């Protein structure tokens, strides 16, 4: 799908072929096409509009390449607890409307995700959007390193085993409260909401 966008020189705002056309040209099943489009949407590469089609999204400024760190789940959570609440406080003062739009996009994606892998992808995208909203490249690079560590099998296994729709709904509410505090430019409340969310995650993952 990425190669198709490049080979046809599709630019931001250009419409992708229909799912039927992609199915025929790429020799893939409709399920595979939809899964690929979903991942591209999570990654911010495309924008999907019901009834209108799928369009190439505006390009983003890439972060520096993240370095994968072999961290235990406990180490990862301790570092997230140290960093991410302060990131939220900073983002409350620096976020632009485009940043808020991206947060809302990620919230909507998470609201529609009912399987672990998809919800986890939207979760990463949302937390990254908070770092992007600081407009600080060093902070974004640090958060990207943290998120790359979430690919570790031990972390993924714990998240998968503890995933259920009730807990997922709780995370959605916590995510919404963080974004609302950011939108209201309330740095203290954003920091507190992030800390409470991470404490909830930590208690679920580590007990």
N, C-alpha and C. Protein backbone atom coordinates (compact mmCIF):
# COMPACT_ATOMS: atom_id res chain seq x y z
N UNK A 1 0.83 -1.20 0.00
CA UNK A 1 0.00 0.00 0.00
C UNK A 1 0.87 1.26 0.00
N UNK A 2 1.95 1.24 0.81
CA UNK A 2 2.90 2.36 0.82
C UNK A 2 3.54 2.53 -0.56
N UNK A 3 3.90 1.41 -1.17
CA UNK A 3 4.53 1.46 -2.50
C UNK A 3 3.55 2.03 -3.53
N UNK A 4 2.28 1.68 -3.40
CA UNK A 4 1.28 2.21 -4.32
C UNK A 4 1.20 3.73 -4.21
N UNK A 5 1.22 4.24 -2.97
CA UNK A 5 1.16 5.69 -2.77
C UNK A 5 2.37 6.36 -3.40
N UNK A 6 3.55 5.74 -3.23
CA UNK A 6 4.77 6.31 -3.80
C UNK A 6 4.77 6.23 -5.32
N UNK A 7 4.43 5.05 -5.85
CA UNK A 7 4.53 4.84 -7.30
C UNK A 7 3.56 5.72 -8.08
N UNK A 8 2.40 6.00 -7.49
CA UNK A 8 1.42 6.85 -8.16
C UNK A 8 1.60 8.33 -7.79
N UNK A 9 2.65 8.60 -6.98
CA UNK A 9 2.96 9.97 -6.58
C UNK A 9 1.75 10.68 -5.99
N UNK A 10 1.03 9.95 -5.13
CA UNK A 10 -0.15 10.54 -4.49
C UNK A 10 0.29 11.53 -3.43
N UNK A 11 -0.34 12.69 -3.42
CA UNK A 11 0.00 13.75 -2.48
C UNK A 11 -1.10 13.91 -1.44
N UNK A 12 -0.82 14.71 -0.42
CA UNK A 12 -1.80 14.96 0.63
C UNK A 12 -3.12 15.44 0.02
N UNK A 13 -4.19 14.77 0.42
CA UNK A 13 -5.51 15.12 -0.10
C UNK A 13 -5.95 14.27 -1.27
N UNK A 14 -5.01 13.57 -1.92
CA UNK A 14 -5.38 12.71 -3.05
C UNK A 14 -6.13 11.48 -2.54
N UNK A 15 -7.07 11.04 -3.34
CA UNK A 15 -7.90 9.90 -2.96
C UNK A 15 -7.26 8.59 -3.41
N UNK A 16 -7.28 7.61 -2.52
CA UNK A 16 -6.78 6.28 -2.87
C UNK A 16 -7.84 5.52 -3.66
N UNK A 17 -7.44 4.50 -4.42
CA UNK A 17 -8.43 3.67 -5.11
C UNK A 17 -9.40 3.03 -4.11
N UNK A 18 -10.54 2.59 -4.61
CA UNK A 18 -11.51 1.93 -3.74
C UNK A 18 -10.97 0.61 -3.21
N UNK A 19 -11.60 0.08 -2.16
CA UNK A 19 -11.18 -1.21 -1.62
C UNK A 19 -11.27 -2.30 -2.67
N UNK A 20 -12.30 -2.24 -3.50
CA UNK A 20 -12.46 -3.25 -4.57
C UNK A 20 -11.29 -3.17 -5.55
N UNK A 21 -10.92 -1.94 -5.94
CA UNK A 21 -9.82 -1.77 -6.88
C UNK A 21 -8.50 -2.21 -6.25
N UNK A 22 -8.30 -1.88 -4.98
CA UNK A 22 -7.08 -2.30 -4.30
C UNK A 22 -7.01 -3.81 -4.17
N UNK A 23 -8.14 -4.42 -3.91
CA UNK A 23 -8.21 -5.87 -3.78
C UNK A 23 -7.75 -6.54 -5.07
N UNK A 24 -8.16 -5.99 -6.20
CA UNK A 24 -7.79 -6.57 -7.49
C UNK A 24 -6.34 -6.26 -7.86
N UNK A 25 -5.91 -5.01 -7.66
CA UNK A 25 -4.57 -4.63 -8.10
C UNK A 25 -3.48 -5.21 -7.21
N UNK A 26 -3.76 -5.41 -5.93
CA UNK A 26 -2.75 -5.93 -5.01
C UNK A 26 -2.89 -7.43 -4.75
N UNK A 27 -3.93 -8.03 -5.34
CA UNK A 27 -4.17 -9.47 -5.18
C UNK A 27 -4.26 -9.86 -3.70
N UNK A 28 -4.99 -9.05 -2.93
CA UNK A 28 -5.19 -9.30 -1.50
C UNK A 28 -6.69 -9.45 -1.23
N UNK A 29 -6.99 -10.03 -0.09
CA UNK A 29 -8.39 -10.14 0.30
C UNK A 29 -8.89 -8.80 0.82
N UNK A 30 -10.21 -8.64 0.85
CA UNK A 30 -10.78 -7.40 1.37
C UNK A 30 -10.40 -7.20 2.84
N UNK A 31 -10.32 -8.30 3.59
CA UNK A 31 -9.92 -8.21 5.00
C UNK A 31 -8.51 -7.67 5.14
N UNK A 32 -7.60 -8.15 4.29
CA UNK A 32 -6.21 -7.68 4.34
C UNK A 32 -6.12 -6.21 3.97
N UNK A 33 -6.90 -5.79 2.97
CA UNK A 33 -6.92 -4.40 2.55
C UNK A 33 -7.39 -3.51 3.70
N UNK A 34 -8.46 -3.91 4.36
CA UNK A 34 -9.00 -3.09 5.45
C UNK A 34 -8.04 -3.04 6.63
N UNK A 35 -7.36 -4.15 6.89
CA UNK A 35 -6.38 -4.17 7.99
C UNK A 35 -5.22 -3.21 7.68
N UNK A 36 -4.77 -3.22 6.43
CA UNK A 36 -3.68 -2.32 6.03
C UNK A 36 -4.11 -0.86 6.12
N UNK A 37 -5.31 -0.57 5.65
CA UNK A 37 -5.82 0.80 5.71
C UNK A 37 -5.98 1.26 7.15
N UNK A 38 -6.42 0.35 8.00
CA UNK A 38 -6.56 0.68 9.42
C UNK A 38 -5.22 1.04 10.04
N UNK A 39 -4.17 0.26 9.72
CA UNK A 39 -2.86 0.54 10.27
C UNK A 39 -2.30 1.85 9.71
N UNK A 40 -2.53 2.12 8.42
CA UNK A 40 -2.09 3.38 7.84
C UNK A 40 -2.81 4.56 8.49
N UNK A 41 -4.08 4.37 8.83
CA UNK A 41 -4.82 5.43 9.50
C UNK A 41 -4.25 5.68 10.89
N UNK A 42 -3.95 4.61 11.62
CA UNK A 42 -3.36 4.75 12.95
C UNK A 42 -2.03 5.49 12.86
N UNK A 43 -1.24 5.16 11.84
CA UNK A 43 0.07 5.77 11.65
C UNK A 43 -0.02 7.20 11.13
N UNK A 44 -1.24 7.64 10.80
CA UNK A 44 -1.41 9.00 10.30
C UNK A 44 -1.05 9.18 8.84
N UNK A 45 -0.98 8.07 8.09
CA UNK A 45 -0.61 8.15 6.67
C UNK A 45 -1.82 8.43 5.79
N UNK A 46 -3.00 7.99 6.22
CA UNK A 46 -4.21 8.22 5.43
C UNK A 46 -5.33 8.70 6.35
N UNK A 47 -6.34 9.30 5.74
CA UNK A 47 -7.55 9.72 6.45
C UNK A 47 -8.73 9.05 5.77
N UNK A 48 -9.58 8.41 6.57
CA UNK A 48 -10.71 7.68 5.99
C UNK A 48 -12.01 8.40 6.35
N UNK A 49 -12.84 8.64 5.34
CA UNK A 49 -14.14 9.28 5.53
C UNK A 49 -15.23 8.32 5.04
N UNK A 50 -16.14 7.97 5.93
CA UNK A 50 -17.22 7.05 5.58
C UNK A 50 -18.05 7.66 4.45
N UNK A 51 -18.23 6.88 3.40
CA UNK A 51 -19.04 7.32 2.27
C UNK A 51 -18.29 8.16 1.24
N UNK A 52 -17.07 8.60 1.59
CA UNK A 52 -16.30 9.43 0.66
C UNK A 52 -15.04 8.74 0.16
N UNK A 53 -14.42 7.93 1.01
CA UNK A 53 -13.22 7.22 0.58
C UNK A 53 -12.05 7.45 1.51
N UNK A 54 -10.87 7.05 1.03
CA UNK A 54 -9.64 7.15 1.81
C UNK A 54 -8.69 8.11 1.09
N UNK A 55 -8.07 9.01 1.87
CA UNK A 55 -7.25 10.06 1.29
C UNK A 55 -5.87 10.07 1.96
N UNK A 56 -4.88 10.48 1.21
CA UNK A 56 -3.53 10.61 1.75
C UNK A 56 -3.52 11.76 2.75
N UNK A 57 -2.96 11.52 3.93
CA UNK A 57 -2.93 12.54 4.98
C UNK A 57 -1.74 13.47 4.77
N UNK A 58 -1.81 14.68 5.31
CA UNK A 58 -0.64 15.57 5.27
C UNK A 58 0.54 14.91 5.97
N UNK A 59 1.72 15.13 5.45
CA UNK A 59 2.91 14.51 6.04
C UNK A 59 3.22 15.14 7.38
N UNK A 60 3.85 14.33 8.25
CA UNK A 60 4.26 14.83 9.55
C UNK A 60 5.77 14.96 9.58
N UNK A 61 6.24 15.79 10.48
CA UNK A 61 7.68 15.90 10.68
C UNK A 61 8.14 14.69 11.47
N UNK A 62 9.02 13.86 10.92
CA UNK A 62 9.41 12.64 11.62
C UNK A 62 10.29 12.92 12.82
N UNK A 63 10.18 12.03 13.82
CA UNK A 63 11.07 12.11 14.97
C UNK A 63 12.39 11.46 14.59
N UNK A 64 13.40 11.65 15.45
CA UNK A 64 14.64 10.92 15.22
C UNK A 64 14.38 9.45 15.42
N UNK A 65 15.22 8.61 14.81
CA UNK A 65 15.04 7.17 14.94
C UNK A 65 15.12 6.77 16.40
N UNK A 66 14.11 6.03 16.85
CA UNK A 66 14.07 5.60 18.24
C UNK A 66 15.01 4.42 18.46
N UNK A 67 15.62 4.39 19.63
CA UNK A 67 16.49 3.30 19.99
C UNK A 67 15.72 2.35 20.89
N UNK A 68 15.67 1.08 20.53
CA UNK A 68 14.96 0.12 21.35
C UNK A 68 15.77 -0.19 22.59
N UNK A 69 15.16 -0.06 23.75
CA UNK A 69 15.83 -0.32 25.02
C UNK A 69 15.22 -1.58 25.63
N UNK A 70 16.08 -2.49 26.05
CA UNK A 70 15.60 -3.71 26.70
C UNK A 70 15.28 -3.41 28.15
N UNK A 71 14.05 -2.99 28.39
CA UNK A 71 13.61 -2.62 29.73
C UNK A 71 12.53 -3.58 30.20
N UNK A 72 12.54 -3.90 31.47
CA UNK A 72 11.48 -4.73 32.03
C UNK A 72 10.20 -3.92 32.11
N UNK A 73 9.03 -4.57 32.21
CA UNK A 73 7.78 -3.82 32.37
C UNK A 73 7.81 -2.88 33.56
N UNK A 74 8.44 -3.30 34.66
CA UNK A 74 8.52 -2.43 35.84
C UNK A 74 9.37 -1.20 35.56
N UNK A 75 10.49 -1.38 34.86
CA UNK A 75 11.35 -0.25 34.51
C UNK A 75 10.64 0.69 33.55
N UNK A 76 9.92 0.12 32.59
CA UNK A 76 9.20 0.92 31.62
C UNK A 76 8.13 1.78 32.31
N UNK A 77 7.37 1.16 33.23
CA UNK A 77 6.32 1.91 33.91
C UNK A 77 6.91 2.98 34.82
N UNK A 78 8.02 2.68 35.48
CA UNK A 78 8.64 3.68 36.35
C UNK A 78 9.09 4.89 35.54
N UNK A 79 9.62 4.66 34.35
CA UNK A 79 10.07 5.76 33.51
C UNK A 79 8.89 6.54 32.95
N UNK A 80 7.85 5.83 32.57
CA UNK A 80 6.65 6.52 32.07
C UNK A 80 6.04 7.39 33.17
N UNK A 81 6.01 6.87 34.40
CA UNK A 81 5.46 7.65 35.51
C UNK A 81 6.27 8.91 35.75
N UNK A 82 7.56 8.84 35.52
CA UNK A 82 8.43 9.99 35.73
C UNK A 82 8.27 11.03 34.63
N UNK A 83 8.12 10.57 33.39
CA UNK A 83 8.17 11.47 32.23
C UNK A 83 6.81 11.96 31.76
N UNK A 84 5.87 11.05 31.55
CA UNK A 84 4.65 11.41 30.82
C UNK A 84 3.74 12.40 31.54
N UNK A 85 3.61 12.39 32.86
CA UNK A 85 2.79 13.44 33.49
C UNK A 85 3.33 14.84 33.21
N UNK A 86 4.67 15.00 33.22
CA UNK A 86 5.25 16.30 32.94
C UNK A 86 5.09 16.68 31.46
N UNK A 87 5.12 15.67 30.60
CA UNK A 87 4.86 15.91 29.18
C UNK A 87 3.45 16.48 29.00
N UNK A 88 2.48 15.89 29.70
CA UNK A 88 1.10 16.37 29.61
C UNK A 88 0.99 17.81 30.09
N UNK A 89 1.67 18.12 31.20
CA UNK A 89 1.62 19.49 31.73
C UNK A 89 2.19 20.48 30.73
N UNK A 90 3.28 20.10 30.09
CA UNK A 90 3.90 20.98 29.11
C UNK A 90 3.01 21.14 27.88
N UNK A 91 2.41 20.03 27.43
CA UNK A 91 1.56 20.07 26.24
C UNK A 91 0.35 20.97 26.44
N UNK A 92 -0.13 21.07 27.69
CA UNK A 92 -1.28 21.94 27.96
C UNK A 92 -0.98 23.39 27.62
N UNK A 93 0.28 23.76 27.65
CA UNK A 93 0.68 25.15 27.39
C UNK A 93 1.13 25.38 25.96
N UNK A 94 1.45 24.31 25.24
CA UNK A 94 2.06 24.48 23.92
C UNK A 94 1.24 23.90 22.76
N UNK A 95 0.23 23.10 23.05
CA UNK A 95 -0.52 22.41 22.00
C UNK A 95 -1.25 23.41 21.09
N UNK A 96 -1.30 23.08 19.82
CA UNK A 96 -2.03 23.87 18.83
C UNK A 96 -3.35 23.17 18.50
N UNK A 97 -4.17 23.83 17.71
CA UNK A 97 -5.43 23.21 17.31
C UNK A 97 -5.18 21.94 16.50
N UNK A 98 -4.14 21.95 15.69
CA UNK A 98 -3.80 20.74 14.93
C UNK A 98 -3.45 19.59 15.88
N UNK A 99 -2.78 19.90 16.98
CA UNK A 99 -2.46 18.87 17.97
C UNK A 99 -3.74 18.32 18.60
N UNK A 100 -4.66 19.21 18.94
CA UNK A 100 -5.92 18.75 19.53
C UNK A 100 -6.71 17.90 18.53
N UNK A 101 -6.66 18.27 17.26
CA UNK A 101 -7.35 17.48 16.23
C UNK A 101 -6.77 16.06 16.17
N UNK A 102 -5.44 15.96 16.27
CA UNK A 102 -4.80 14.64 16.25
C UNK A 102 -5.18 13.83 17.49
N UNK A 103 -5.26 14.48 18.64
CA UNK A 103 -5.69 13.76 19.84
C UNK A 103 -7.11 13.23 19.68
N UNK A 104 -7.98 14.05 19.12
CA UNK A 104 -9.37 13.61 18.90
C UNK A 104 -9.42 12.46 17.91
N UNK A 105 -8.57 12.49 16.90
CA UNK A 105 -8.52 11.38 15.94
C UNK A 105 -8.13 10.09 16.64
N UNK A 106 -7.14 10.18 17.51
CA UNK A 106 -6.69 8.99 18.22
C UNK A 106 -7.75 8.49 19.22
N UNK A 107 -8.42 9.43 19.88
CA UNK A 107 -9.50 9.03 20.78
C UNK A 107 -10.59 8.28 20.01
N UNK A 108 -10.97 8.82 18.85
CA UNK A 108 -12.01 8.17 18.05
C UNK A 108 -11.57 6.80 17.59
N UNK A 109 -10.29 6.67 17.20
CA UNK A 109 -9.80 5.36 16.80
C UNK A 109 -9.84 4.37 17.95
N UNK A 110 -9.43 4.81 19.14
CA UNK A 110 -9.48 3.93 20.31
C UNK A 110 -10.89 3.55 20.69
N UNK A 111 -11.83 4.49 20.51
CA UNK A 111 -13.23 4.18 20.83
C UNK A 111 -13.77 3.07 19.94
N UNK A 112 -13.26 2.98 18.71
CA UNK A 112 -13.76 1.97 17.78
C UNK A 112 -12.98 0.68 17.80
N UNK A 113 -11.97 0.58 18.66
CA UNK A 113 -11.11 -0.62 18.71
C UNK A 113 -11.58 -1.56 19.80
N UNK A 114 -11.85 -2.79 19.44
CA UNK A 114 -12.33 -3.76 20.43
C UNK A 114 -11.47 -5.02 20.47
N UNK A 115 -10.30 -4.98 19.83
CA UNK A 115 -9.33 -6.07 19.94
C UNK A 115 -8.02 -5.48 20.44
N UNK A 116 -7.22 -6.29 21.12
CA UNK A 116 -6.03 -5.79 21.80
C UNK A 116 -5.08 -5.05 20.88
N UNK A 117 -4.70 -5.68 19.75
CA UNK A 117 -3.69 -5.10 18.89
C UNK A 117 -4.11 -3.72 18.37
N UNK A 118 -5.35 -3.59 17.97
CA UNK A 118 -5.81 -2.31 17.43
C UNK A 118 -5.89 -1.25 18.53
N UNK A 119 -6.41 -1.63 19.70
CA UNK A 119 -6.50 -0.65 20.79
C UNK A 119 -5.11 -0.21 21.23
N UNK A 120 -4.16 -1.15 21.30
CA UNK A 120 -2.80 -0.83 21.70
C UNK A 120 -2.16 0.15 20.71
N UNK A 121 -2.41 -0.05 19.42
CA UNK A 121 -1.84 0.84 18.41
C UNK A 121 -2.38 2.26 18.56
N UNK A 122 -3.69 2.39 18.79
CA UNK A 122 -4.27 3.71 18.98
C UNK A 122 -3.80 4.33 20.30
N UNK A 123 -3.59 3.49 21.31
CA UNK A 123 -3.08 3.97 22.59
C UNK A 123 -1.69 4.60 22.42
N UNK A 124 -0.82 3.90 21.70
CA UNK A 124 0.52 4.44 21.43
C UNK A 124 0.41 5.74 20.65
N UNK A 125 -0.45 5.78 19.64
CA UNK A 125 -0.60 6.98 18.83
C UNK A 125 -1.08 8.17 19.66
N UNK A 126 -2.00 7.92 20.59
CA UNK A 126 -2.51 9.00 21.44
C UNK A 126 -1.42 9.53 22.36
N UNK A 127 -0.72 8.63 23.03
CA UNK A 127 0.32 9.07 23.95
C UNK A 127 1.44 9.80 23.19
N UNK A 128 1.71 9.36 21.97
CA UNK A 128 2.71 10.07 21.17
C UNK A 128 2.23 11.47 20.80
N UNK A 129 0.91 11.60 20.58
CA UNK A 129 0.38 12.92 20.21
C UNK A 129 0.59 13.93 21.34
N UNK A 130 0.61 13.46 22.59
CA UNK A 130 0.88 14.38 23.70
C UNK A 130 2.31 14.90 23.63
N UNK A 131 3.25 14.00 23.29
CA UNK A 131 4.64 14.42 23.16
C UNK A 131 4.82 15.35 21.97
N UNK A 132 4.17 15.05 20.86
CA UNK A 132 4.24 15.93 19.68
C UNK A 132 3.76 17.33 20.04
N UNK A 133 2.72 17.40 20.89
CA UNK A 133 2.12 18.69 21.24
C UNK A 133 3.03 19.56 22.08
N UNK A 134 4.12 19.01 22.63
CA UNK A 134 5.08 19.86 23.35
C UNK A 134 5.95 20.66 22.38
N UNK A 135 6.01 20.20 21.13
CA UNK A 135 6.85 20.84 20.11
C UNK A 135 8.31 20.92 20.58
N UNK A 136 8.72 19.85 21.22
CA UNK A 136 10.09 19.72 21.71
C UNK A 136 10.65 18.40 21.20
N UNK A 137 11.63 18.49 20.29
CA UNK A 137 12.15 17.29 19.64
C UNK A 137 12.82 16.32 20.59
N UNK A 138 13.45 16.83 21.65
CA UNK A 138 14.11 15.95 22.61
C UNK A 138 13.08 15.12 23.37
N UNK A 139 12.00 15.77 23.80
CA UNK A 139 10.94 15.06 24.52
C UNK A 139 10.31 14.01 23.61
N UNK A 140 10.05 14.38 22.36
CA UNK A 140 9.44 13.43 21.43
C UNK A 140 10.34 12.22 21.23
N UNK A 141 11.65 12.44 21.09
CA UNK A 141 12.58 11.33 20.91
C UNK A 141 12.58 10.41 22.13
N UNK A 142 12.51 10.99 23.32
CA UNK A 142 12.49 10.19 24.55
C UNK A 142 11.22 9.35 24.63
N UNK A 143 10.10 9.95 24.27
CA UNK A 143 8.83 9.21 24.30
C UNK A 143 8.84 8.12 23.25
N UNK A 144 9.41 8.39 22.08
CA UNK A 144 9.50 7.35 21.04
C UNK A 144 10.33 6.17 21.52
N UNK A 145 11.39 6.43 22.27
CA UNK A 145 12.19 5.34 22.81
C UNK A 145 11.35 4.51 23.79
N UNK A 146 10.58 5.18 24.63
CA UNK A 146 9.71 4.47 25.57
C UNK A 146 8.71 3.59 24.82
N UNK A 147 8.10 4.16 23.79
CA UNK A 147 7.09 3.40 23.06
C UNK A 147 7.70 2.25 22.28
N UNK A 148 8.93 2.41 21.80
CA UNK A 148 9.58 1.30 21.11
C UNK A 148 9.81 0.14 22.08
N UNK A 149 10.03 0.45 23.35
CA UNK A 149 10.24 -0.60 24.35
C UNK A 149 8.96 -1.38 24.62
N UNK A 150 7.81 -0.80 24.25
CA UNK A 150 6.55 -1.50 24.45
C UNK A 150 6.39 -2.66 23.47
N UNK A 151 7.29 -2.75 22.49
CA UNK A 151 7.26 -3.87 21.56
C UNK A 151 7.89 -5.12 22.15
N UNK A 152 8.50 -4.99 23.32
CA UNK A 152 9.12 -6.14 23.96
C UNK A 152 8.06 -7.21 24.25
N UNK A 153 8.36 -8.50 23.98
CA UNK A 153 7.37 -9.57 24.17
C UNK A 153 6.81 -9.65 25.59
N UNK A 154 7.64 -9.35 26.60
CA UNK A 154 7.15 -9.45 27.97
C UNK A 154 6.07 -8.41 28.24
N UNK A 155 6.27 -7.19 27.72
CA UNK A 155 5.26 -6.15 27.88
C UNK A 155 4.00 -6.51 27.08
N UNK A 156 4.20 -6.93 25.84
CA UNK A 156 3.05 -7.29 25.00
C UNK A 156 2.25 -8.43 25.59
N UNK A 157 2.93 -9.41 26.16
CA UNK A 157 2.23 -10.53 26.77
C UNK A 157 1.39 -10.12 27.95
N UNK A 158 1.93 -9.24 28.80
CA UNK A 158 1.18 -8.75 29.95
C UNK A 158 -0.04 -7.96 29.51
N UNK A 159 0.12 -7.08 28.54
CA UNK A 159 -1.00 -6.28 28.06
C UNK A 159 -2.07 -7.16 27.44
N UNK A 160 -1.65 -8.16 26.69
CA UNK A 160 -2.60 -9.03 26.03
C UNK A 160 -3.41 -9.85 27.05
N UNK A 161 -2.73 -10.35 28.07
CA UNK A 161 -3.41 -11.18 29.07
C UNK A 161 -4.37 -10.38 29.94
N UNK A 162 -4.10 -9.11 30.11
CA UNK A 162 -4.96 -8.29 30.98
C UNK A 162 -6.01 -7.51 30.19
N UNK A 163 -6.03 -7.67 28.88
CA UNK A 163 -6.97 -6.91 28.06
C UNK A 163 -8.38 -7.47 28.18
N UNK A 164 -9.34 -6.60 28.44
CA UNK A 164 -10.75 -6.94 28.33
C UNK A 164 -11.52 -5.65 28.05
N UNK A 165 -12.74 -5.79 27.57
CA UNK A 165 -13.49 -4.62 27.12
C UNK A 165 -13.83 -3.67 28.26
N UNK A 166 -14.08 -4.21 29.46
CA UNK A 166 -14.39 -3.34 30.60
C UNK A 166 -13.19 -2.47 30.96
N UNK A 167 -12.02 -3.09 31.02
CA UNK A 167 -10.80 -2.33 31.32
C UNK A 167 -10.50 -1.34 30.20
N UNK A 168 -10.74 -1.75 28.98
CA UNK A 168 -10.54 -0.89 27.83
C UNK A 168 -11.42 0.36 27.94
N UNK A 169 -12.65 0.17 28.38
CA UNK A 169 -13.57 1.30 28.54
C UNK A 169 -13.06 2.24 29.62
N UNK A 170 -12.46 1.69 30.67
CA UNK A 170 -11.88 2.53 31.71
C UNK A 170 -10.74 3.37 31.17
N UNK A 171 -9.88 2.76 30.36
CA UNK A 171 -8.77 3.50 29.75
C UNK A 171 -9.29 4.61 28.84
N UNK A 172 -10.36 4.33 28.12
CA UNK A 172 -10.93 5.35 27.23
C UNK A 172 -11.36 6.58 28.02
N UNK A 173 -12.02 6.34 29.15
CA UNK A 173 -12.43 7.46 29.99
C UNK A 173 -11.25 8.25 30.52
N UNK A 174 -10.20 7.54 30.92
CA UNK A 174 -8.99 8.22 31.41
C UNK A 174 -8.33 9.03 30.31
N UNK A 175 -8.27 8.46 29.11
CA UNK A 175 -7.72 9.19 27.97
C UNK A 175 -8.51 10.46 27.70
N UNK A 176 -9.82 10.36 27.74
CA UNK A 176 -10.68 11.51 27.48
C UNK A 176 -10.43 12.60 28.51
N UNK A 177 -10.26 12.23 29.77
CA UNK A 177 -10.04 13.25 30.81
C UNK A 177 -8.70 13.97 30.61
N UNK A 178 -7.69 13.24 30.13
CA UNK A 178 -6.40 13.88 29.84
C UNK A 178 -6.58 14.91 28.73
N UNK A 179 -7.25 14.51 27.66
CA UNK A 179 -7.41 15.41 26.51
C UNK A 179 -8.25 16.62 26.89
N UNK A 180 -9.30 16.42 27.69
CA UNK A 180 -10.13 17.55 28.11
C UNK A 180 -9.32 18.56 28.92
N UNK A 181 -8.46 18.06 29.80
CA UNK A 181 -7.62 18.97 30.59
C UNK A 181 -6.66 19.74 29.68
N UNK A 182 -6.11 19.06 28.68
CA UNK A 182 -5.22 19.73 27.73
C UNK A 182 -5.97 20.81 26.96
N UNK A 183 -7.16 20.48 26.49
CA UNK A 183 -7.94 21.43 25.71
C UNK A 183 -8.31 22.66 26.53
N UNK A 184 -8.44 22.49 27.84
CA UNK A 184 -8.75 23.61 28.72
C UNK A 184 -7.50 24.33 29.22
N UNK A 185 -6.33 23.91 28.72
CA UNK A 185 -5.05 24.53 29.07
C UNK A 185 -4.78 24.43 30.58
N UNK A 186 -5.27 23.38 31.21
CA UNK A 186 -5.09 23.19 32.64
C UNK A 186 -3.93 22.23 32.86
N UNK A 187 -2.73 22.78 33.00
CA UNK A 187 -1.53 21.96 33.08
C UNK A 187 -1.54 21.06 34.32
N UNK A 188 -1.98 21.59 35.45
CA UNK A 188 -1.99 20.81 36.68
C UNK A 188 -2.94 19.62 36.57
N UNK A 189 -4.12 19.87 36.03
CA UNK A 189 -5.10 18.79 35.90
C UNK A 189 -4.67 17.77 34.85
N UNK A 190 -4.02 18.24 33.78
CA UNK A 190 -3.53 17.32 32.76
C UNK A 190 -2.46 16.40 33.34
N UNK A 191 -1.57 16.97 34.14
CA UNK A 191 -0.52 16.17 34.77
C UNK A 191 -1.14 15.14 35.73
N UNK A 192 -2.11 15.58 36.51
CA UNK A 192 -2.76 14.67 37.46
C UNK A 192 -3.52 13.57 36.73
N UNK A 193 -4.24 13.93 35.66
CA UNK A 193 -5.01 12.93 34.91
C UNK A 193 -4.09 11.90 34.28
N UNK A 194 -2.94 12.34 33.77
CA UNK A 194 -1.99 11.41 33.19
C UNK A 194 -1.42 10.49 34.26
N UNK A 195 -1.09 11.04 35.42
CA UNK A 195 -0.54 10.21 36.49
C UNK A 195 -1.56 9.16 36.94
N UNK A 196 -2.80 9.57 37.07
CA UNK A 196 -3.84 8.62 37.47
C UNK A 196 -4.02 7.52 36.44
N UNK A 197 -3.94 7.89 35.17
CA UNK A 197 -4.06 6.89 34.11
C UNK A 197 -2.92 5.90 34.16
N UNK A 198 -1.70 6.40 34.31
CA UNK A 198 -0.54 5.51 34.35
C UNK A 198 -0.55 4.63 35.60
N UNK A 199 -1.06 5.15 36.71
CA UNK A 199 -1.19 4.33 37.91
C UNK A 199 -2.17 3.19 37.66
N UNK A 200 -3.25 3.50 36.92
CA UNK A 200 -4.22 2.46 36.58
C UNK A 200 -3.58 1.38 35.71
N UNK A 201 -2.81 1.81 34.72
CA UNK A 201 -2.11 0.86 33.85
C UNK A 201 -1.12 0.03 34.66
N UNK A 202 -0.35 0.70 35.51
CA UNK A 202 0.65 -0.01 36.32
C UNK A 202 0.00 -1.04 37.23
N UNK A 203 -1.11 -0.67 37.87
CA UNK A 203 -1.77 -1.62 38.76
C UNK A 203 -2.33 -2.81 38.01
N UNK A 204 -2.78 -2.58 36.79
CA UNK A 204 -3.30 -3.67 35.96
C UNK A 204 -2.18 -4.60 35.52
N UNK A 205 -1.08 -3.99 35.04
CA UNK A 205 0.01 -4.77 34.47
C UNK A 205 0.84 -5.47 35.53
N UNK A 206 1.17 -4.72 36.59
CA UNK A 206 2.13 -5.22 37.58
C UNK A 206 1.49 -5.66 38.89
N UNK A 207 0.23 -5.27 39.13
CA UNK A 207 -0.42 -5.64 40.38
C UNK A 207 -0.10 -4.66 41.49
